[in-house]
Structures are given as C-alpha cells and as structure tokens.
Amino acid sequence: MKLSQVKTILKNAPTIGFRLPDGKMVPNHFHVTEIGKVRKDFIDCGGTIRHEEKANFQLWDSNDYDHRLHPEKLLYIIELSEKILKIDDLEIEVEYQADTIGKFGLDFDGKTFLLTQKQTTCLAQDSCGNVIEQPNNDATKMDEPCCAPDGNCC
C-alpha cells in the first residue's frame, strides 16, 4: 500500500486499527512513534546493485491507555513527514514489536489496516541457479550453490 492510499483512507476513517497476520489486533492504545523514509542500497548475490526506498511506520503500544491516535492526527504526521523528509508516494513498510521487531507490508480491508507478512527471496535466481519450488512447497532447490566459493554468482 502506498502513502497516498493511506492518506485517502484516513480522511474518511472514524478510527484507526491495525490487525496482525495472525488475526490479533494491535492494542488500540498504540502510537506511531516514527514515520520515515528508509533507503537501502545493496548488492544481491548475483552482483547486481539495487536500491530500495520505502516509507516506514513504526507502531508501538505503551501503557498509555488514555490516549488514542485519531485519523486526523496520523494524517497530520504523515503530511509533515512528507514535507520535511521529502517523502514521495512510496510503498509503506510497518515495524511492530511483538516478541521481536517485525517488518510488515500494509493493506486495508475496508475497516482495518492489515499488517501483511513479508517474505525473503533470492533476487538473482537467473544468474545464481536457484530454482524456487511451487508456493505450496517450503523446499527450495539449488541447481548450483548460490554464493558458495564454487558457485556461479559470487
């Protein structure tokens, strides 16, 4: 979900709620402690230089049960962040800590924001020899070890 989509939703939302992938709700006394722009520059295992930029929301639930974040306040924080940090209409990544800090995608079901699971993958499958099995199978098959000393990509 992009920043512009969240802003449109917030303009008409009476409340804000976030649902975790397991179906549990983030406690409604959460705070958005950060909104930022995160840039990641990296080289994949095939040697390709890559750049990624996302808008980042960090959610935190505290023991402050008397204050709730209202849609208009979050909208104000987003717009201030866009202006000051020069954030474009980027995809949003959400950080939230249950046991450890998790990174989630963001979606909306018409009432609640949904924190969606993110997956890792090899970005250089064509040069690495990595063949991914069908999504229903957790196993991966490596024709040739990726990034091994005798591999074909590093």
C-alpha atoms as a PDB file:
ATOM      1  CA  MET A   1       0.000   0.000   0.000  1.00  0.00           C
ATOM      2  CA  LYS A   2       1.274   3.436  -0.896  1.00  0.00           C
ATOM      3  CA  LEU A   3       1.315   6.537   1.263  1.00  0.00           C
ATOM      4  CA  SER A   4      -1.354   8.249  -0.865  1.00  0.00           C
ATOM      5  CA  GLN A   5      -3.747   5.338  -0.280  1.00  0.00           C
ATOM      6  CA  VAL A   6      -3.328   5.566   3.495  1.00  0.00           C
ATOM      7  CA  LYS A   7      -3.957   9.318   3.401  1.00  0.00           C
ATOM      8  CA  THR A   8      -7.178   8.818   1.419  1.00  0.00           C
ATOM      9  CA  ILE A   9      -8.388   6.203   3.908  1.00  0.00           C
ATOM     10  CA  LEU A  10      -7.544   8.387   6.918  1.00  0.00           C
ATOM     11  CA  LYS A  11      -9.562  11.325   5.548  1.00  0.00           C
ATOM     12  CA  ASN A  12     -12.770   9.295   5.942  1.00  0.00           C
ATOM     13  CA  ALA A  13     -11.911   6.954   8.827  1.00  0.00           C
ATOM     14  CA  PRO A  14     -13.604   7.405  12.212  1.00  0.00           C
ATOM     15  CA  THR A  15     -10.876   5.331  13.962  1.00  0.00           C
ATOM     16  CA  ILE A  16      -7.611   3.558  13.162  1.00  0.00           C
ATOM     17  CA  GLY A  17      -6.944  -0.127  13.772  1.00  0.00           C
ATOM     18  CA  PHE A  18      -4.171  -2.496  12.737  1.00  0.00           C
ATOM     19  CA  ARG A  19      -4.623  -6.275  12.510  1.00  0.00           C
ATOM     20  CA  LEU A  20      -1.642  -8.619  12.697  1.00  0.00           C
ATOM     21  CA  PRO A  21      -1.254 -11.545  10.262  1.00  0.00           C
ATOM     22  CA  ASP A  22      -2.396 -13.973  12.990  1.00  0.00           C
ATOM     23  CA  GLY A  23      -5.711 -12.105  13.275  1.00  0.00           C
ATOM     24  CA  LYS A  24      -4.954 -10.352  16.565  1.00  0.00           C
ATOM     25  CA  MET A  25      -5.378  -6.598  16.769  1.00  0.00           C
ATOM     26  CA  VAL A  26      -2.563  -4.239  17.690  1.00  0.00           C
ATOM     27  CA  PRO A  27      -3.825  -2.830  21.033  1.00  0.00           C
ATOM     28  CA  ASN A  28      -5.893   0.289  20.341  1.00  0.00           C
ATOM     29  CA  HIS A  29      -3.672   2.409  22.590  1.00  0.00           C
ATOM     30  CA  PHE A  30      -0.811   2.086  20.077  1.00  0.00           C
ATOM     31  CA  HIS A  31       1.289   5.036  18.995  1.00  0.00           C
ATOM     32  CA  VAL A  32       3.002   5.696  15.678  1.00  0.00           C
ATOM     33  CA  THR A  33       6.426   6.529  17.085  1.00  0.00           C
ATOM     34  CA  GLU A  34       8.116   7.113  13.730  1.00  0.00           C
ATOM     35  CA  ILE A  35       7.316   7.878  10.137  1.00  0.00           C
ATOM     36  CA  GLY A  36      10.341   7.942   7.929  1.00  0.00           C
ATOM     37  CA  LYS A  37      11.937   7.285   4.595  1.00  0.00           C
ATOM     38  CA  VAL A  38      14.218   4.264   4.526  1.00  0.00           C
ATOM     39  CA  ARG A  39      16.693   3.804   1.700  1.00  0.00           C
ATOM     40  CA  LYS A  40      18.500   0.531   1.235  1.00  0.00           C
ATOM     41  CA  ASP A  41      21.409   0.221  -1.201  1.00  0.00           C
ATOM     42  CA  PHE A  42      22.702  -3.304  -1.648  1.00  0.00           C
ATOM     43  CA  ILE A  43      24.250  -5.867  -3.960  1.00  0.00           C
ATOM     44  CA  ASP A  44      22.421  -9.133  -4.487  1.00  0.00           C
ATOM     45  CA  CYS A  45      24.197 -12.492  -4.690  1.00  0.00           C
ATOM     46  CA  GLY A  46      24.357 -12.150  -8.481  1.00  0.00           C
ATOM     47  CA  GLY A  47      26.373  -8.944  -8.189  1.00  0.00           C
ATOM     48  CA  THR A  48      23.551  -6.588  -9.223  1.00  0.00           C
ATOM     49  CA  ILE A  49      23.475  -3.245  -7.415  1.00  0.00           C
ATOM     50  CA  ARG A  50      19.971  -2.499  -6.159  1.00  0.00           C
ATOM     51  CA  HIS A  51      18.239   0.443  -4.493  1.00  0.00           C
ATOM     52  CA  GLU A  52      15.040   0.341  -2.498  1.00  0.00           C
ATOM     53  CA  GLU A  53      13.142   3.169  -0.843  1.00  0.00           C
ATOM     54  CA  LYS A  54      10.108   2.795   1.420  1.00  0.00           C
ATOM     55  CA  ALA A  55       8.038   4.886   3.773  1.00  0.00           C
ATOM     56  CA  ASN A  56       8.317   3.410   7.246  1.00  0.00           C
ATOM     57  CA  PHE A  57       5.788   3.494  10.080  1.00  0.00           C
ATOM     58  CA  GLN A  58       6.805   2.236  13.488  1.00  0.00           C
ATOM     59  CA  LEU A  59       3.938   1.156  15.744  1.00  0.00           C
ATOM     60  CA  TRP A  60       4.355   0.843  19.486  1.00  0.00           C
ATOM     61  CA  ASP A  61       1.894   0.002  22.186  1.00  0.00           C
ATOM     62  CA  SER A  62       2.591   1.515  25.558  1.00  0.00           C
ATOM     63  CA  ASN A  63       0.883   1.655  28.895  1.00  0.00           C
ATOM     64  CA  ASP A  64      -0.808   4.954  27.992  1.00  0.00           C
ATOM     65  CA  TYR A  65      -4.400   3.731  27.832  1.00  0.00           C
ATOM     66  CA  ASP A  66      -5.978   7.200  27.947  1.00  0.00           C
ATOM     67  CA  HIS A  67      -4.803   8.485  24.587  1.00  0.00           C
ATOM     68  CA  ARG A  68      -5.722   7.137  21.190  1.00  0.00           C
ATOM     69  CA  LEU A  69      -4.249   8.128  17.870  1.00  0.00           C
ATOM     70  CA  HIS A  70      -7.011   9.655  15.773  1.00  0.00           C
ATOM     71  CA  PRO A  71      -7.026   9.546  11.952  1.00  0.00           C
ATOM     72  CA  GLU A  72      -6.617  13.314  11.583  1.00  0.00           C
ATOM     73  CA  LYS A  73      -3.539  13.296  13.848  1.00  0.00           C
ATOM     74  CA  LEU A  74      -1.890  10.477  11.883  1.00  0.00           C
ATOM     75  CA  LEU A  75      -2.730  12.264   8.632  1.00  0.00           C
ATOM     76  CA  TYR A  76      -1.062  15.427  10.003  1.00  0.00           C
ATOM     77  CA  ILE A  77       2.075  13.443  10.989  1.00  0.00           C
ATOM     78  CA  ILE A  78       2.236  11.825   7.529  1.00  0.00           C
ATOM     79  CA  GLU A  79       1.878  15.165   5.736  1.00  0.00           C
ATOM     80  CA  LEU A  80       4.519  16.775   7.974  1.00  0.00           C
ATOM     81  CA  SER A  81       6.868  13.857   7.301  1.00  0.00           C
ATOM     82  CA  GLU A  82       6.313  14.153   3.539  1.00  0.00           C
ATOM     83  CA  LYS A  83       7.132  17.854   3.663  1.00  0.00           C
ATOM     84  CA  ILE A  84      10.138  17.773   5.996  1.00  0.00           C
ATOM     85  CA  LEU A  85      11.682  14.472   4.854  1.00  0.00           C
ATOM     86  CA  LYS A  86      10.648  14.881   1.205  1.00  0.00           C
ATOM     87  CA  ILE A  87       8.908  11.511   1.135  1.00  0.00           C
ATOM     88  CA  ASP A  88       7.402  10.581  -2.234  1.00  0.00           C
ATOM     89  CA  ASP A  89       4.373   8.335  -2.686  1.00  0.00           C
ATOM     90  CA  LEU A  90       6.270   5.245  -1.537  1.00  0.00           C
ATOM     91  CA  GLU A  91       5.211   1.753  -0.528  1.00  0.00           C
ATOM     92  CA  ILE A  92       4.781   1.522   3.226  1.00  0.00           C
ATOM     93  CA  GLU A  93       6.582  -0.904   5.472  1.00  0.00           C
ATOM     94  CA  VAL A  94       5.402  -1.173   9.071  1.00  0.00           C
ATOM     95  CA  GLU A  95       7.589  -2.114  12.036  1.00  0.00           C
ATOM     96  CA  TYR A  96       5.870  -3.584  15.066  1.00  0.00           C
ATOM     97  CA  GLN A  97       7.315  -5.454  18.010  1.00  0.00           C
ATOM     98  CA  ALA A  98       5.577  -8.469  19.471  1.00  0.00           C
ATOM     99  CA  ASP A  99       8.398 -10.809  20.533  1.00  0.00           C
ATOM    100  CA  THR A 100      10.942  -9.128  18.304  1.00  0.00           C
ATOM    101  CA  ILE A 101      10.665  -6.306  15.796  1.00  0.00           C
ATOM    102  CA  GLY A 102       8.846  -7.491  12.697  1.00  0.00           C
ATOM    103  CA  LYS A 103       8.527  -5.799   9.325  1.00  0.00           C
ATOM    104  CA  PHE A 104       5.179  -5.968   7.596  1.00  0.00           C
ATOM    105  CA  GLY A 105       3.527  -4.846   4.412  1.00  0.00           C
ATOM    106  CA  LEU A 106       0.280  -2.892   4.677  1.00  0.00           C
ATOM    107  CA  ASP A 107      -3.173  -3.496   3.246  1.00  0.00           C
ATOM    108  CA  PHE A 108      -6.729  -2.378   4.094  1.00  0.00           C
ATOM    109  CA  ASP A 109      -9.902  -4.476   4.315  1.00  0.00           C
ATOM    110  CA  GLY A 110     -12.371  -1.575   4.235  1.00  0.00           C
ATOM    111  CA  LYS A 111     -12.341  -1.091   8.006  1.00  0.00           C
ATOM    112  CA  THR A 112      -8.947  -2.048   9.411  1.00  0.00           C
ATOM    113  CA  PHE A 113      -5.347  -1.761   8.261  1.00  0.00           C
ATOM    114  CA  LEU A 114      -3.823  -5.202   7.811  1.00  0.00           C
ATOM    115  CA  LEU A 115      -0.192  -5.904   8.601  1.00  0.00           C
ATOM    116  CA  THR A 116       0.810  -8.418   5.946  1.00  0.00           C
ATOM    117  CA  GLN A 117       3.613 -10.933   6.033  1.00  0.00           C
ATOM    118  CA  LYS A 118       6.737 -10.217   4.038  1.00  0.00           C
ATOM    119  CA  GLN A 119       8.967 -12.880   2.508  1.00  0.00           C
ATOM    120  CA  THR A 120      12.603 -13.014   1.522  1.00  0.00           C
ATOM    121  CA  THR A 121      13.792 -14.461  -1.763  1.00  0.00           C
ATOM    122  CA  CYS A 122      16.907 -14.689  -3.879  1.00  0.00           C
ATOM    123  CA  LEU A 123      16.890 -11.712  -6.237  1.00  0.00           C
ATOM    124  CA  ALA A 124      19.437 -13.215  -8.640  1.00  0.00           C
ATOM    125  CA  GLN A 125      17.756 -16.528  -9.408  1.00  0.00           C
ATOM    126  CA  ASP A 126      18.593 -16.317 -13.116  1.00  0.00           C
ATOM    127  CA  SER A 127      22.340 -15.930 -12.527  1.00  0.00           C
ATOM    128  CA  CYS A 128      22.517 -17.929  -9.342  1.00  0.00           C
ATOM    129  CA  GLY A 129      20.968 -21.203 -10.487  1.00  0.00           C
ATOM    130  CA  ASN A 130      18.362 -21.001  -7.751  1.00  0.00           C
ATOM    131  CA  VAL A 131      15.075 -22.654  -8.691  1.00  0.00           C
ATOM    132  CA  ILE A 132      12.129 -21.973  -6.399  1.00  0.00           C
ATOM    133  CA  GLU A 133       9.583 -24.769  -5.943  1.00  0.00           C
ATOM    134  CA  GLN A 134       5.850 -24.089  -6.138  1.00  0.00           C
ATOM    135  CA  PRO A 135       4.496 -21.805  -3.350  1.00  0.00           C
ATOM    136  CA  ASN A 136       2.813 -24.735  -1.557  1.00  0.00           C
ATOM    137  CA  ASN A 137       6.178 -26.418  -1.038  1.00  0.00           C
ATOM    138  CA  ASP A 138       8.525 -24.853   1.525  1.00  0.00           C
ATOM    139  CA  ALA A 139      11.589 -26.516  -0.004  1.00  0.00           C
ATOM    140  CA  THR A 140      13.893 -24.768  -2.430  1.00  0.00           C
ATOM    141  CA  LYS A 141      16.146 -26.488  -4.921  1.00  0.00           C
ATOM    142  CA  MET A 142      19.571 -25.234  -5.753  1.00  0.00           C
ATOM    143  CA  ASP A 143      20.967 -26.431  -9.085  1.00  0.00           C
ATOM    144  CA  GLU A 144      24.278 -24.974  -8.025  1.00  0.00           C
ATOM    145  CA  PRO A 145      25.135 -23.461  -4.631  1.00  0.00           C
ATOM    146  CA  CYS A 146      24.440 -19.743  -4.712  1.00  0.00           C
ATOM    147  CA  CYS A 147      27.275 -17.661  -3.324  1.00  0.00           C
ATOM    148  CA  ALA A 148      29.359 -20.712  -2.482  1.00  0.00           C
ATOM    149  CA  PRO A 149      33.068 -20.394  -3.392  1.00  0.00           C
ATOM    150  CA  ASP A 150      32.472 -22.661  -6.403  1.00  0.00           C
ATOM    151  CA  GLY A 151      29.041 -21.135  -7.161  1.00  0.00           C
ATOM    152  CA  ASN A 152      28.254 -19.220 -10.326  1.00  0.00           C
ATOM    153  CA  CYS A 153      27.211 -15.863  -8.939  1.00  0.00           C
ATOM    154  CA  CYS A 154      29.640 -14.521  -6.343  1.00  0.00           C
END
